[in-house]
Amino acid sequence: MAPISKALLQRSPRLSLRRASVADLEAMLEIGLAALPMDPQWDYRFPHRRAYPGDTQKYTRMRYREFLEDQHERWVVMLAEQRVAHDSLKPVAFAVWEVKNIRKKKTVQIQLEKNRKSL
C-alpha cells in the first residue's frame, strides 16, 4: 500500500469540514442534484427524472431531510465548505454515513467486555 502524503494529512486553509444541519439542506440538494446523475444507480432510482425533474428534487430533498433530522442517530452527515472570501464559506461537498450498525457493534463489544469482567 502506498504511503499517505503528508500534504493530504495537513489541514486545508481553503476547505473546512463540519457536521451538516437542516440549514444546509438546500445546499446539499444543489450539490447532490448536480453530482448524482453521473452515478448509474441514479437511473434506477429516478428513471423518469428528465420528464419529471420536480419529483426528483422533491424526493431527494425528503431523503436528505431524513438524514439531517435523524432522531435515532442512524446517520452522520458531514459537509465540506470552501473559503471563497475572507469570512465566507460555500458548501462544495457532503457525505452521508449510516452508522447504526457501527454503534450497535460497539455497544455489543462494550457489553461483552462487561460480561467478561463480571465472570
PDB file of N, CA and C in Angstrom:
ATOM      1  N   MET A   1       0.844  -1.175   0.000  1.00  0.00           N
ATOM      2  CA  MET A   1       0.000   0.000   0.000  1.00  0.00           C
ATOM      3  C   MET A   1       0.892   1.241   0.000  1.00  0.00           C
ATOM      4  N   ALA A   2       0.554   2.223  -0.788  1.00  0.00           N
ATOM      5  CA  ALA A   2       1.355   3.443  -0.905  1.00  0.00           C
ATOM      6  C   ALA A   2       1.235   4.279   0.364  1.00  0.00           C
ATOM      7  N   PRO A   3       2.329   4.925   0.773  1.00  0.00           N
ATOM      8  CA  PRO A   3       2.257   5.781   1.959  1.00  0.00           C
ATOM      9  C   PRO A   3       1.386   7.008   1.686  1.00  0.00           C
ATOM     10  N   ILE A   4       0.776   7.502   2.737  1.00  0.00           N
ATOM     11  CA  ILE A   4      -0.070   8.692   2.627  1.00  0.00           C
ATOM     12  C   ILE A   4       0.818   9.925   2.605  1.00  0.00           C
ATOM     13  N   SER A   5       0.586  10.777   1.645  1.00  0.00           N
ATOM     14  CA  SER A   5       1.352  12.007   1.522  1.00  0.00           C
ATOM     15  C   SER A   5       1.086  12.909   2.727  1.00  0.00           C
ATOM     16  N   LYS A   6       2.134  13.537   3.235  1.00  0.00           N
ATOM     17  CA  LYS A   6       1.964  14.455   4.354  1.00  0.00           C
ATOM     18  C   LYS A   6       1.040  15.608   3.989  1.00  0.00           C
ATOM     19  N   ALA A   7       1.055  15.988   2.719  1.00  0.00           N
ATOM     20  CA  ALA A   7       0.183  17.083   2.272  1.00  0.00           C
ATOM     21  C   ALA A   7      -1.289  16.724   2.453  1.00  0.00           C
ATOM     22  N   LEU A   8      -1.640  15.442   2.302  1.00  0.00           N
ATOM     23  CA  LEU A   8      -3.027  15.023   2.472  1.00  0.00           C
ATOM     24  C   LEU A   8      -3.465  15.088   3.933  1.00  0.00           C
ATOM     25  N   LEU A   9      -2.515  14.959   4.837  1.00  0.00           N
ATOM     26  CA  LEU A   9      -2.849  14.960   6.258  1.00  0.00           C
ATOM     27  C   LEU A   9      -2.927  16.365   6.843  1.00  0.00           C
ATOM     28  N   GLN A  10      -2.428  17.354   6.138  1.00  0.00           N
ATOM     29  CA  GLN A  10      -2.456  18.727   6.636  1.00  0.00           C
ATOM     30  C   GLN A  10      -3.827  19.337   6.404  1.00  0.00           C
ATOM     31  N   ARG A  11      -4.221  20.221   7.304  1.00  0.00           N
ATOM     32  CA  ARG A  11      -5.493  20.919   7.147  1.00  0.00           C
ATOM     33  C   ARG A  11      -5.402  21.884   5.979  1.00  0.00           C
ATOM     34  N   SER A  12      -6.496  21.951   5.248  1.00  0.00           N
ATOM     35  CA  SER A  12      -6.544  22.857   4.104  1.00  0.00           C
ATOM     36  C   SER A  12      -6.989  24.236   4.559  1.00  0.00           C
ATOM     37  N   PRO A  13      -6.287  25.275   4.152  1.00  0.00           N
ATOM     38  CA  PRO A  13      -6.720  26.623   4.521  1.00  0.00           C
ATOM     39  C   PRO A  13      -7.972  27.046   3.756  1.00  0.00           C
ATOM     40  N   ARG A  14      -8.296  26.318   2.676  1.00  0.00           N
ATOM     41  CA  ARG A  14      -9.442  26.705   1.857  1.00  0.00           C
ATOM     42  C   ARG A  14     -10.657  25.819   2.069  1.00  0.00           C
ATOM     43  N   LEU A  15     -10.492  24.662   2.694  1.00  0.00           N
ATOM     44  CA  LEU A  15     -11.611  23.756   2.928  1.00  0.00           C
ATOM     45  C   LEU A  15     -11.775  23.497   4.409  1.00  0.00           C
ATOM     46  N   SER A  16     -13.014  23.411   4.827  1.00  0.00           N
ATOM     47  CA  SER A  16     -13.289  23.034   6.212  1.00  0.00           C
ATOM     48  C   SER A  16     -14.362  21.955   6.197  1.00  0.00           C
ATOM     49  N   LEU A  17     -14.399  21.161   7.238  1.00  0.00           N
ATOM     50  CA  LEU A  17     -15.338  20.056   7.352  1.00  0.00           C
ATOM     51  C   LEU A  17     -16.095  20.210   8.662  1.00  0.00           C
ATOM     52  N   ARG A  18     -17.412  20.031   8.586  1.00  0.00           N
ATOM     53  CA  ARG A  18     -18.231  20.128   9.799  1.00  0.00           C
ATOM     54  C   ARG A  18     -19.452  19.236   9.644  1.00  0.00           C
ATOM     55  N   ARG A  19     -20.114  18.998  10.752  1.00  0.00           N
ATOM     56  CA  ARG A  19     -21.367  18.242  10.724  1.00  0.00           C
ATOM     57  C   ARG A  19     -22.448  19.106  10.077  1.00  0.00           C
ATOM     58  N   ALA A  20     -23.209  18.532   9.179  1.00  0.00           N
ATOM     59  CA  ALA A  20     -24.268  19.275   8.482  1.00  0.00           C
ATOM     60  C   ALA A  20     -25.495  19.413   9.374  1.00  0.00           C
ATOM     61  N   SER A  21     -26.308  20.417   9.079  1.00  0.00           N
ATOM     62  CA  SER A  21     -27.557  20.637   9.794  1.00  0.00           C
ATOM     63  C   SER A  21     -28.678  20.860   8.785  1.00  0.00           C
ATOM     64  N   VAL A  22     -29.901  20.950   9.258  1.00  0.00           N
ATOM     65  CA  VAL A  22     -31.044  21.177   8.376  1.00  0.00           C
ATOM     66  C   VAL A  22     -30.878  22.487   7.596  1.00  0.00           C
ATOM     67  N   ALA A  23     -30.166  23.441   8.163  1.00  0.00           N
ATOM     68  CA  ALA A  23     -29.920  24.706   7.463  1.00  0.00           C
ATOM     69  C   ALA A  23     -29.110  24.494   6.175  1.00  0.00           C
ATOM     70  N   ASP A  24     -28.442  23.362   6.053  1.00  0.00           N
ATOM     71  CA  ASP A  24     -27.624  23.056   4.875  1.00  0.00           C
ATOM     72  C   ASP A  24     -28.396  22.284   3.806  1.00  0.00           C
ATOM     73  N   LEU A  25     -29.668  22.023   4.042  1.00  0.00           N
ATOM     74  CA  LEU A  25     -30.453  21.161   3.161  1.00  0.00           C
ATOM     75  C   LEU A  25     -30.448  21.630   1.705  1.00  0.00           C
ATOM     76  N   GLU A  26     -30.705  22.895   1.464  1.00  0.00           N
ATOM     77  CA  GLU A  26     -30.779  23.377   0.077  1.00  0.00           C
ATOM     78  C   GLU A  26     -29.420  23.308  -0.622  1.00  0.00           C
ATOM     79  N   ALA A  27     -28.350  23.598   0.096  1.00  0.00           N
ATOM     80  CA  ALA A  27     -27.009  23.494  -0.493  1.00  0.00           C
ATOM     81  C   ALA A  27     -26.688  22.041  -0.827  1.00  0.00           C
ATOM     82  N   MET A  28     -27.053  21.131   0.071  1.00  0.00           N
ATOM     83  CA  MET A  28     -26.830  19.706  -0.191  1.00  0.00           C
ATOM     84  C   MET A  28     -27.643  19.242  -1.395  1.00  0.00           C
ATOM     85  N   LEU A  29     -28.868  19.727  -1.501  1.00  0.00           N
ATOM     86  CA  LEU A  29     -29.718  19.355  -2.627  1.00  0.00           C
ATOM     87  C   LEU A  29     -29.098  19.817  -3.944  1.00  0.00           C
ATOM     88  N   GLU A  30     -28.594  21.033  -3.959  1.00  0.00           N
ATOM     89  CA  GLU A  30     -27.957  21.565  -5.165  1.00  0.00           C
ATOM     90  C   GLU A  30     -26.733  20.727  -5.551  1.00  0.00           C
ATOM     91  N   ILE A  31     -25.920  20.387  -4.568  1.00  0.00           N
ATOM     92  CA  ILE A  31     -24.718  19.577  -4.816  1.00  0.00           C
ATOM     93  C   ILE A  31     -25.119  18.184  -5.301  1.00  0.00           C
ATOM     94  N   GLY A  32     -26.057  17.561  -4.602  1.00  0.00           N
ATOM     95  CA  GLY A  32     -26.476  16.208  -4.951  1.00  0.00           C
ATOM     96  C   GLY A  32     -27.093  16.114  -6.333  1.00  0.00           C
ATOM     97  N   LEU A  33     -27.972  17.053  -6.653  1.00  0.00           N
ATOM     98  CA  LEU A  33     -28.628  17.010  -7.964  1.00  0.00           C
ATOM     99  C   LEU A  33     -27.655  17.301  -9.109  1.00  0.00           C
ATOM    100  N   ALA A  34     -26.559  17.985  -8.804  1.00  0.00           N
ATOM    101  CA  ALA A  34     -25.534  18.236  -9.823  1.00  0.00           C
ATOM    102  C   ALA A  34     -24.615  17.024  -9.998  1.00  0.00           C
ATOM    103  N   ALA A  35     -24.336  16.312  -8.905  1.00  0.00           N
ATOM    104  CA  ALA A  35     -23.346  15.238  -8.944  1.00  0.00           C
ATOM    105  C   ALA A  35     -23.931  13.844  -9.165  1.00  0.00           C
ATOM    106  N   LEU A  36     -25.043  13.530  -8.549  1.00  0.00           N
ATOM    107  CA  LEU A  36     -25.526  12.154  -8.542  1.00  0.00           C
ATOM    108  C   LEU A  36     -26.024  11.611  -9.875  1.00  0.00           C
ATOM    109  N   PRO A  37     -26.483  12.425 -10.806  1.00  0.00           N
ATOM    110  CA  PRO A  37     -26.877  11.844 -12.093  1.00  0.00           C
ATOM    111  C   PRO A  37     -25.738  11.125 -12.815  1.00  0.00           C
ATOM    112  N   MET A  38     -24.500  11.348 -12.413  1.00  0.00           N
ATOM    113  CA  MET A  38     -23.363  10.642 -13.007  1.00  0.00           C
ATOM    114  C   MET A  38     -23.243   9.220 -12.456  1.00  0.00           C
ATOM    115  N   ASP A  39     -23.943   8.932 -11.362  1.00  0.00           N
ATOM    116  CA  ASP A  39     -23.901   7.617 -10.726  1.00  0.00           C
ATOM    117  C   ASP A  39     -24.939   6.713 -11.389  1.00  0.00           C
ATOM    118  N   PRO A  40     -24.564   5.506 -11.833  1.00  0.00           N
ATOM    119  CA  PRO A  40     -25.524   4.626 -12.521  1.00  0.00           C
ATOM    120  C   PRO A  40     -26.775   4.312 -11.694  1.00  0.00           C
ATOM    121  N   GLN A  41     -26.671   4.267 -10.371  1.00  0.00           N
ATOM    122  CA  GLN A  41     -27.852   3.964  -9.557  1.00  0.00           C
ATOM    123  C   GLN A  41     -28.904   5.053  -9.649  1.00  0.00           C
ATOM    124  N   TRP A  42     -28.507   6.251 -10.059  1.00  0.00           N
ATOM    125  CA  TRP A  42     -29.455   7.365 -10.159  1.00  0.00           C
ATOM    126  C   TRP A  42     -30.518   7.057 -11.213  1.00  0.00           C
ATOM    127  N   ASP A  43     -30.117   6.397 -12.312  1.00  0.00           N
ATOM    128  CA  ASP A  43     -31.077   5.994 -13.348  1.00  0.00           C
ATOM    129  C   ASP A  43     -32.095   5.003 -12.778  1.00  0.00           C
ATOM    130  N   TYR A  44     -31.644   4.150 -11.887  1.00  0.00           N
ATOM    131  CA  TYR A  44     -32.541   3.177 -11.261  1.00  0.00           C
ATOM    132  C   TYR A  44     -33.532   3.878 -10.325  1.00  0.00           C
ATOM    133  N   ARG A  45     -33.023   4.796  -9.514  1.00  0.00           N
ATOM    134  CA  ARG A  45     -33.886   5.490  -8.541  1.00  0.00           C
ATOM    135  C   ARG A  45     -34.869   6.430  -9.216  1.00  0.00           C
ATOM    136  N   PHE A  46     -34.438   7.115 -10.261  1.00  0.00           N
ATOM    137  CA  PHE A  46     -35.269   8.119 -10.932  1.00  0.00           C
ATOM    138  C   PHE A  46     -35.242   7.903 -12.447  1.00  0.00           C
ATOM    139  N   PRO A  47     -35.881   6.843 -12.937  1.00  0.00           N
ATOM    140  CA  PRO A  47     -35.811   6.558 -14.374  1.00  0.00           C
ATOM    141  C   PRO A  47     -36.491   7.630 -15.238  1.00  0.00           C
ATOM    142  N   HIS A  48     -37.395   8.400 -14.665  1.00  0.00           N
ATOM    143  CA  HIS A  48     -38.117   9.430 -15.421  1.00  0.00           C
ATOM    144  C   HIS A  48     -37.730  10.837 -14.968  1.00  0.00           C
ATOM    145  N   ARG A  49     -36.513  10.985 -14.465  1.00  0.00           N
ATOM    146  CA  ARG A  49     -36.095  12.274 -13.894  1.00  0.00           C
ATOM    147  C   ARG A  49     -36.050  13.407 -14.920  1.00  0.00           C
ATOM    148  N   ARG A  50     -35.801  13.074 -16.160  1.00  0.00           N
ATOM    149  CA  ARG A  50     -35.770  14.128 -17.182  1.00  0.00           C
ATOM    150  C   ARG A  50     -37.175  14.651 -17.479  1.00  0.00           C
ATOM    151  N   ALA A  51     -38.157  13.771 -17.450  1.00  0.00           N
ATOM    152  CA  ALA A  51     -39.547  14.171 -17.703  1.00  0.00           C
ATOM    153  C   ALA A  51     -40.171  14.852 -16.477  1.00  0.00           C
ATOM    154  N   TYR A  52     -39.719  14.443 -15.269  1.00  0.00           N
ATOM    155  CA  TYR A  52     -40.305  14.968 -14.030  1.00  0.00           C
ATOM    156  C   TYR A  52     -39.205  15.434 -13.066  1.00  0.00           C
ATOM    157  N   PRO A  53     -38.472  16.471 -13.425  1.00  0.00           N
ATOM    158  CA  PRO A  53     -37.371  16.920 -12.565  1.00  0.00           C
ATOM    159  C   PRO A  53     -37.863  17.394 -11.192  1.00  0.00           C
ATOM    160  N   GLY A  54     -39.068  17.897 -11.115  1.00  0.00           N
ATOM    161  CA  GLY A  54     -39.612  18.341  -9.824  1.00  0.00           C
ATOM    162  C   GLY A  54     -39.775  17.191  -8.843  1.00  0.00           C
ATOM    163  N   ASP A  55     -40.166  16.019  -9.349  1.00  0.00           N
ATOM    164  CA  ASP A  55     -40.294  14.847  -8.486  1.00  0.00           C
ATOM    165  C   ASP A  55     -38.929  14.415  -7.946  1.00  0.00           C
ATOM    166  N   THR A  56     -37.927  14.430  -8.818  1.00  0.00           N
ATOM    167  CA  THR A  56     -36.570  14.064  -8.403  1.00  0.00           C
ATOM    168  C   THR A  56     -36.102  14.991  -7.288  1.00  0.00           C
ATOM    169  N   GLN A  57     -36.322  16.280  -7.479  1.00  0.00           N
ATOM    170  CA  GLN A  57     -35.911  17.260  -6.472  1.00  0.00           C
ATOM    171  C   GLN A  57     -36.698  17.068  -5.172  1.00  0.00           C
ATOM    172  N   LYS A  58     -37.991  16.875  -5.269  1.00  0.00           N
ATOM    173  CA  LYS A  58     -38.837  16.716  -4.083  1.00  0.00           C
ATOM    174  C   LYS A  58     -38.410  15.511  -3.239  1.00  0.00           C
ATOM    175  N   TYR A  59     -38.245  14.351  -3.888  1.00  0.00           N
ATOM    176  CA  TYR A  59     -37.941  13.139  -3.129  1.00  0.00           C
ATOM    177  C   TYR A  59     -36.491  13.091  -2.659  1.00  0.00           C
ATOM    178  N   THR A  60     -35.599  13.723  -3.395  1.00  0.00           N
ATOM    179  CA  THR A  60     -34.215  13.821  -2.922  1.00  0.00           C
ATOM    180  C   THR A  60     -34.164  14.732  -1.698  1.00  0.00           C
ATOM    181  N   ARG A  61     -34.886  15.846  -1.721  1.00  0.00           N
ATOM    182  CA  ARG A  61     -34.951  16.744  -0.562  1.00  0.00           C
ATOM    183  C   ARG A  61     -35.516  15.997   0.655  1.00  0.00           C
ATOM    184  N   MET A  62     -36.564  15.210   0.446  1.00  0.00           N
ATOM    185  CA  MET A  62     -37.162  14.457   1.555  1.00  0.00           C
ATOM    186  C   MET A  62     -36.140  13.492   2.168  1.00  0.00           C
ATOM    187  N   ARG A  63     -35.386  12.812   1.319  1.00  0.00           N
ATOM    188  CA  ARG A  63     -34.398  11.842   1.813  1.00  0.00           C
ATOM    189  C   ARG A  63     -33.275  12.547   2.577  1.00  0.00           C
ATOM    190  N   TYR A  64     -32.777  13.650   2.028  1.00  0.00           N
ATOM    191  CA  TYR A  64     -31.714  14.387   2.716  1.00  0.00           C
ATOM    192  C   TYR A  64     -32.211  14.944   4.045  1.00  0.00           C
ATOM    193  N   ARG A  65     -33.446  15.419   4.076  1.00  0.00           N
ATOM    194  CA  ARG A  65     -34.021  15.912   5.341  1.00  0.00           C
ATOM    195  C   ARG A  65     -34.074  14.773   6.369  1.00  0.00           C
ATOM    196  N   GLU A  66     -34.427  13.592   5.911  1.00  0.00           N
ATOM    197  CA  GLU A  66     -34.454  12.425   6.796  1.00  0.00           C
ATOM    198  C   GLU A  66     -33.072  12.191   7.417  1.00  0.00           C
ATOM    199  N   PHE A  67     -32.029  12.296   6.606  1.00  0.00           N
ATOM    200  CA  PHE A  67     -30.672  12.128   7.127  1.00  0.00           C
ATOM    201  C   PHE A  67     -30.359  13.189   8.180  1.00  0.00           C
ATOM    202  N   LEU A  68     -30.734  14.431   7.907  1.00  0.00           N
ATOM    203  CA  LEU A  68     -30.368  15.554   8.774  1.00  0.00           C
ATOM    204  C   LEU A  68     -31.196  15.622  10.049  1.00  0.00           C
ATOM    205  N   GLU A  69     -32.438  15.172   9.991  1.00  0.00           N
ATOM    206  CA  GLU A  69     -33.317  15.240  11.166  1.00  0.00           C
ATOM    207  C   GLU A  69     -33.334  13.931  11.944  1.00  0.00           C
ATOM    208  N   ASP A  70     -32.404  13.077  11.693  1.00  0.00           N
ATOM    209  CA  ASP A  70     -32.323  11.757  12.298  1.00  0.00           C
ATOM    210  C   ASP A  70     -32.381  11.830  13.825  1.00  0.00           C
ATOM    211  N   GLN A  71     -33.427  11.267  14.392  1.00  0.00           N
ATOM    212  CA  GLN A  71     -33.596  11.263  15.852  1.00  0.00           C
ATOM    213  C   GLN A  71     -32.950  10.046  16.512  1.00  0.00           C
ATOM    214  N   HIS A  72     -32.614   9.049  15.716  1.00  0.00           N
ATOM    215  CA  HIS A  72     -32.096   7.795  16.268  1.00  0.00           C
ATOM    216  C   HIS A  72     -30.595   7.633  16.051  1.00  0.00           C
ATOM    217  N   GLU A  73     -29.950   8.686  15.607  1.00  0.00           N
ATOM    218  CA  GLU A  73     -28.501   8.678  15.372  1.00  0.00           C
ATOM    219  C   GLU A  73     -28.076   7.545  14.451  1.00  0.00           C
ATOM    220  N   ARG A  74     -28.884   7.304  13.433  1.00  0.00           N
ATOM    221  CA  ARG A  74     -28.562   6.278  12.440  1.00  0.00           C
ATOM    222  C   ARG A  74     -27.611   6.825  11.387  1.00  0.00           C
ATOM    223  N   TRP A  75     -27.704   8.127  11.099  1.00  0.00           N
ATOM    224  CA  TRP A  75     -26.942   8.746  10.019  1.00  0.00           C
ATOM    225  C   TRP A  75     -26.007   9.822  10.549  1.00  0.00           C
ATOM    226  N   VAL A  76     -24.859   9.967   9.900  1.00  0.00           N
ATOM    227  CA  VAL A  76     -23.954  11.082  10.146  1.00  0.00           C
ATOM    228  C   VAL A  76     -23.743  11.763   8.797  1.00  0.00           C
ATOM    229  N   VAL A  77     -23.967  13.074   8.765  1.00  0.00           N
ATOM    230  CA  VAL A  77     -23.811  13.844   7.534  1.00  0.00           C
ATOM    231  C   VAL A  77     -22.750  14.913   7.777  1.00  0.00           C
ATOM    232  N   MET A  78     -21.714  14.901   6.951  1.00  0.00           N
ATOM    233  CA  MET A  78     -20.643  15.884   7.049  1.00  0.00           C
ATOM    234  C   MET A  78     -20.658  16.750   5.797  1.00  0.00           C
ATOM    235  N   LEU A  79     -20.321  18.016   5.981  1.00  0.00           N
ATOM    236  CA  LEU A  79     -20.344  18.985   4.890  1.00  0.00           C
ATOM    237  C   LEU A  79     -18.962  19.614   4.750  1.00  0.00           C
ATOM    238  N   ALA A  80     -18.457  19.650   3.518  1.00  0.00           N
ATOM    239  CA  ALA A  80     -17.191  20.328   3.225  1.00  0.00           C
ATOM    240  C   ALA A  80     -17.518  21.697   2.648  1.00  0.00           C
ATOM    241  N   GLU A  81     -16.837  22.707   3.162  1.00  0.00           N
ATOM    242  CA  GLU A  81     -17.050  24.072   2.694  1.00  0.00           C
ATOM    243  C   GLU A  81     -15.729  24.650   2.212  1.00  0.00           C
ATOM    244  N   GLN A  82     -15.826  25.443   1.153  1.00  0.00           N
ATOM    245  CA  GLN A  82     -14.652  26.114   0.599  1.00  0.00           C
ATOM    246  C   GLN A  82     -14.700  27.585   0.981  1.00  0.00           C
ATOM    247  N   ARG A  83     -13.555  28.101   1.408  1.00  0.00           N
ATOM    248  CA  ARG A  83     -13.461  29.532   1.722  1.00  0.00           C
ATOM    249  C   ARG A  83     -13.426  30.293   0.408  1.00  0.00           C
ATOM    250  N   VAL A  84     -14.422  31.151   0.192  1.00  0.00           N
ATOM    251  CA  VAL A  84     -14.498  31.918  -1.055  1.00  0.00           C
ATOM    252  C   VAL A  84     -14.150  33.384  -0.841  1.00  0.00           C
ATOM    253  N   ALA A  85     -14.162  33.805   0.375  1.00  0.00           N
ATOM    254  CA  ALA A  85     -13.748  35.163   0.746  1.00  0.00           C
ATOM    255  C   ALA A  85     -13.206  35.072   2.162  1.00  0.00           C
ATOM    256  N   HIS A  86     -12.698  36.183   2.665  1.00  0.00           N
ATOM    257  CA  HIS A  86     -12.083  36.166   3.992  1.00  0.00           C
ATOM    258  C   HIS A  86     -12.992  35.521   5.045  1.00  0.00           C
ATOM    259  N   ASP A  87     -14.261  35.833   5.036  1.00  0.00           N
ATOM    260  CA  ASP A  87     -15.160  35.305   6.056  1.00  0.00           C
ATOM    261  C   ASP A  87     -16.403  34.638   5.461  1.00  0.00           C
ATOM    262  N   SER A  88     -16.267  34.097   4.251  1.00  0.00           N
ATOM    263  CA  SER A  88     -17.404  33.473   3.582  1.00  0.00           C
ATOM    264  C   SER A  88     -17.062  32.040   3.177  1.00  0.00           C
ATOM    265  N   LEU A  89     -17.966  31.113   3.495  1.00  0.00           N
ATOM    266  CA  LEU A  89     -17.782  29.707   3.148  1.00  0.00           C
ATOM    267  C   LEU A  89     -18.902  29.251   2.223  1.00  0.00           C
ATOM    268  N   LYS A  90     -18.548  28.424   1.241  1.00  0.00           N
ATOM    269  CA  LYS A  90     -19.527  27.891   0.300  1.00  0.00           C
ATOM    270  C   LYS A  90     -19.509  26.362   0.389  1.00  0.00           C
ATOM    271  N   PRO A  91     -20.658  25.724   0.634  1.00  0.00           N
ATOM    272  CA  PRO A  91     -20.696  24.258   0.635  1.00  0.00           C
ATOM    273  C   PRO A  91     -20.326  23.717  -0.740  1.00  0.00           C
ATOM    274  N   VAL A  92     -19.424  22.727  -0.771  1.00  0.00           N
ATOM    275  CA  VAL A  92     -18.975  22.168  -2.048  1.00  0.00           C
ATOM    276  C   VAL A  92     -19.126  20.644  -2.123  1.00  0.00           C
ATOM    277  N   ALA A  93     -19.323  19.985  -0.990  1.00  0.00           N
ATOM    278  CA  ALA A  93     -19.464  18.529  -0.996  1.00  0.00           C
ATOM    279  C   ALA A  93     -20.071  18.081   0.331  1.00  0.00           C
ATOM    280  N   PHE A  94     -20.647  16.894   0.314  1.00  0.00           N
ATOM    281  CA  PHE A  94     -21.129  16.312   1.557  1.00  0.00           C
ATOM    282  C   PHE A  94     -21.017  14.798   1.477  1.00  0.00           C
ATOM    283  N   ALA A  95     -21.052  14.165   2.641  1.00  0.00           N
ATOM    284  CA  ALA A  95     -21.011  12.708   2.725  1.00  0.00           C
ATOM    285  C   ALA A  95     -22.018  12.266   3.767  1.00  0.00           C
ATOM    286  N   VAL A  96     -22.663  11.135   3.511  1.00  0.00           N
ATOM    287  CA  VAL A  96     -23.641  10.565   4.428  1.00  0.00           C
ATOM    288  C   VAL A  96     -23.180   9.157   4.769  1.00  0.00           C
ATOM    289  N   TRP A  97     -23.089   8.877   6.062  1.00  0.00           N
ATOM    290  CA  TRP A  97     -22.722   7.540   6.520  1.00  0.00           C
ATOM    291  C   TRP A  97     -23.847   6.984   7.368  1.00  0.00           C
ATOM    292  N   GLU A  98     -24.166   5.713   7.141  1.00  0.00           N
ATOM    293  CA  GLU A  98     -25.092   5.012   8.035  1.00  0.00           C
ATOM    294  C   GLU A  98     -24.241   4.379   9.126  1.00  0.00           C
ATOM    295  N   VAL A  99     -24.418   4.843  10.352  1.00  0.00           N
ATOM    296  CA  VAL A  99     -23.558   4.406  11.451  1.00  0.00           C
ATOM    297  C   VAL A  99     -24.297   3.545  12.467  1.00  0.00           C
ATOM    298  N   LYS A 100     -25.546   3.223  12.198  1.00  0.00           N
ATOM    299  CA  LYS A 100     -26.350   2.439  13.136  1.00  0.00           C
ATOM    300  C   LYS A 100     -25.656   1.135  13.500  1.00  0.00           C
ATOM    301  N   ASN A 101     -25.192   0.401  12.507  1.00  0.00           N
ATOM    302  CA  ASN A 101     -24.562  -0.893  12.779  1.00  0.00           C
ATOM    303  C   ASN A 101     -23.211  -0.749  13.453  1.00  0.00           C
ATOM    304  N   ILE A 102     -22.504   0.323  13.156  1.00  0.00           N
ATOM    305  CA  ILE A 102     -21.226   0.579  13.828  1.00  0.00           C
ATOM    306  C   ILE A 102     -21.472   0.804  15.309  1.00  0.00           C
ATOM    307  N   ARG A 103     -22.470   1.638  15.619  1.00  0.00           N
ATOM    308  CA  ARG A 103     -22.795   1.905  17.026  1.00  0.00           C
ATOM    309  C   ARG A 103     -23.294   0.645  17.716  1.00  0.00           C
ATOM    310  N   LYS A 104     -24.110  -0.141  17.011  1.00  0.00           N
ATOM    311  CA  LYS A 104     -24.629  -1.380  17.590  1.00  0.00           C
ATOM    312  C   LYS A 104     -23.477  -2.326  17.915  1.00  0.00           C
ATOM    313  N   LYS A 105     -22.523  -2.457  16.991  1.00  0.00           N
ATOM    314  CA  LYS A 105     -21.379  -3.337  17.193  1.00  0.00           C
ATOM    315  C   LYS A 105     -20.559  -2.875  18.396  1.00  0.00           C
ATOM    316  N   LYS A 106     -20.360  -1.569  18.514  1.00  0.00           N
ATOM    317  CA  LYS A 106     -19.592  -1.037  19.640  1.00  0.00           C
ATOM    318  C   LYS A 106     -20.327  -1.310  20.955  1.00  0.00           C
ATOM    319  N   THR A 107     -21.642  -1.141  20.963  1.00  0.00           N
ATOM    320  CA  THR A 107     -22.438  -1.411  22.162  1.00  0.00           C
ATOM    321  C   THR A 107     -22.324  -2.876  22.556  1.00  0.00           C
ATOM    322  N   VAL A 108     -22.381  -3.764  21.584  1.00  0.00           N
ATOM    323  CA  VAL A 108     -22.248  -5.199  21.862  1.00  0.00           C
ATOM    324  C   VAL A 108     -20.863  -5.492  22.419  1.00  0.00           C
ATOM    325  N   GLN A 109     -19.818  -4.879  21.859  1.00  0.00           N
ATOM    326  CA  GLN A 109     -18.459  -5.100  22.358  1.00  0.00           C
ATOM    327  C   GLN A 109     -18.329  -4.626  23.803  1.00  0.00           C
ATOM    328  N   ILE A 110     -18.898  -3.487  24.118  1.00  0.00           N
ATOM    329  CA  ILE A 110     -18.842  -2.971  25.486  1.00  0.00           C
ATOM    330  C   ILE A 110     -19.553  -3.929  26.434  1.00  0.00           C
ATOM    331  N   GLN A 111     -20.729  -4.427  26.026  1.00  0.00           N
ATOM    332  CA  GLN A 111     -21.471  -5.359  26.875  1.00  0.00           C
ATOM    333  C   GLN A 111     -20.699  -6.655  27.073  1.00  0.00           C
ATOM    334  N   LEU A 112     -20.049  -7.160  26.014  1.00  0.00           N
ATOM    335  CA  LEU A 112     -19.243  -8.376  26.144  1.00  0.00           C
ATOM    336  C   LEU A 112     -18.092  -8.170  27.126  1.00  0.00           C
ATOM    337  N   GLU A 113     -17.450  -7.010  27.052  1.00  0.00           N
ATOM    338  CA  GLU A 113     -16.365  -6.699  27.977  1.00  0.00           C
ATOM    339  C   GLU A 113     -16.865  -6.664  29.414  1.00  0.00           C
ATOM    340  N   LYS A 114     -18.026  -6.070  29.648  1.00  0.00           N
ATOM    341  CA  LYS A 114     -18.612  -6.029  30.985  1.00  0.00           C
ATOM    342  C   LYS A 114     -18.914  -7.422  31.473  1.00  0.00           C
ATOM    343  N   ASN A 115     -19.447  -8.270  30.582  1.00  0.00           N
ATOM    344  CA  ASN A 115     -19.766  -9.631  30.969  1.00  0.00           C
ATOM    345  C   ASN A 115     -18.512 -10.421  31.326  1.00  0.00           C
ATOM    346  N   ARG A 116     -17.436 -10.213  30.567  1.00  0.00           N
ATOM    347  CA  ARG A 116     -16.183 -10.917  30.857  1.00  0.00           C
ATOM    348  C   ARG A 116     -15.631 -10.504  32.223  1.00  0.00           C
ATOM    349  N   LYS A 117     -15.728  -9.235  32.523  1.00  0.00           N
ATOM    350  CA  LYS A 117     -15.203  -8.712  33.790  1.00  0.00           C
ATOM    351  C   LYS A 117     -16.008  -9.250  34.966  1.00  0.00           C
ATOM    352  N   SER A 118     -17.284  -9.515  34.750  1.00  0.00           N
ATOM    353  CA  SER A 118     -18.119  -9.975  35.865  1.00  0.00           C
ATOM    354  C   SER A 118     -17.969 -11.460  36.141  1.00  0.00           C
ATOM    355  N   LEU A 119     -17.308 -12.201  35.240  1.00  0.00           N
ATOM    356  CA  LEU A 119     -17.132 -13.649  35.440  1.00  0.00           C
ATOM    357  C   LEU A 119     -16.093 -13.955  36.462  1.00  0.00           C
TER     358      LEU A 119
END
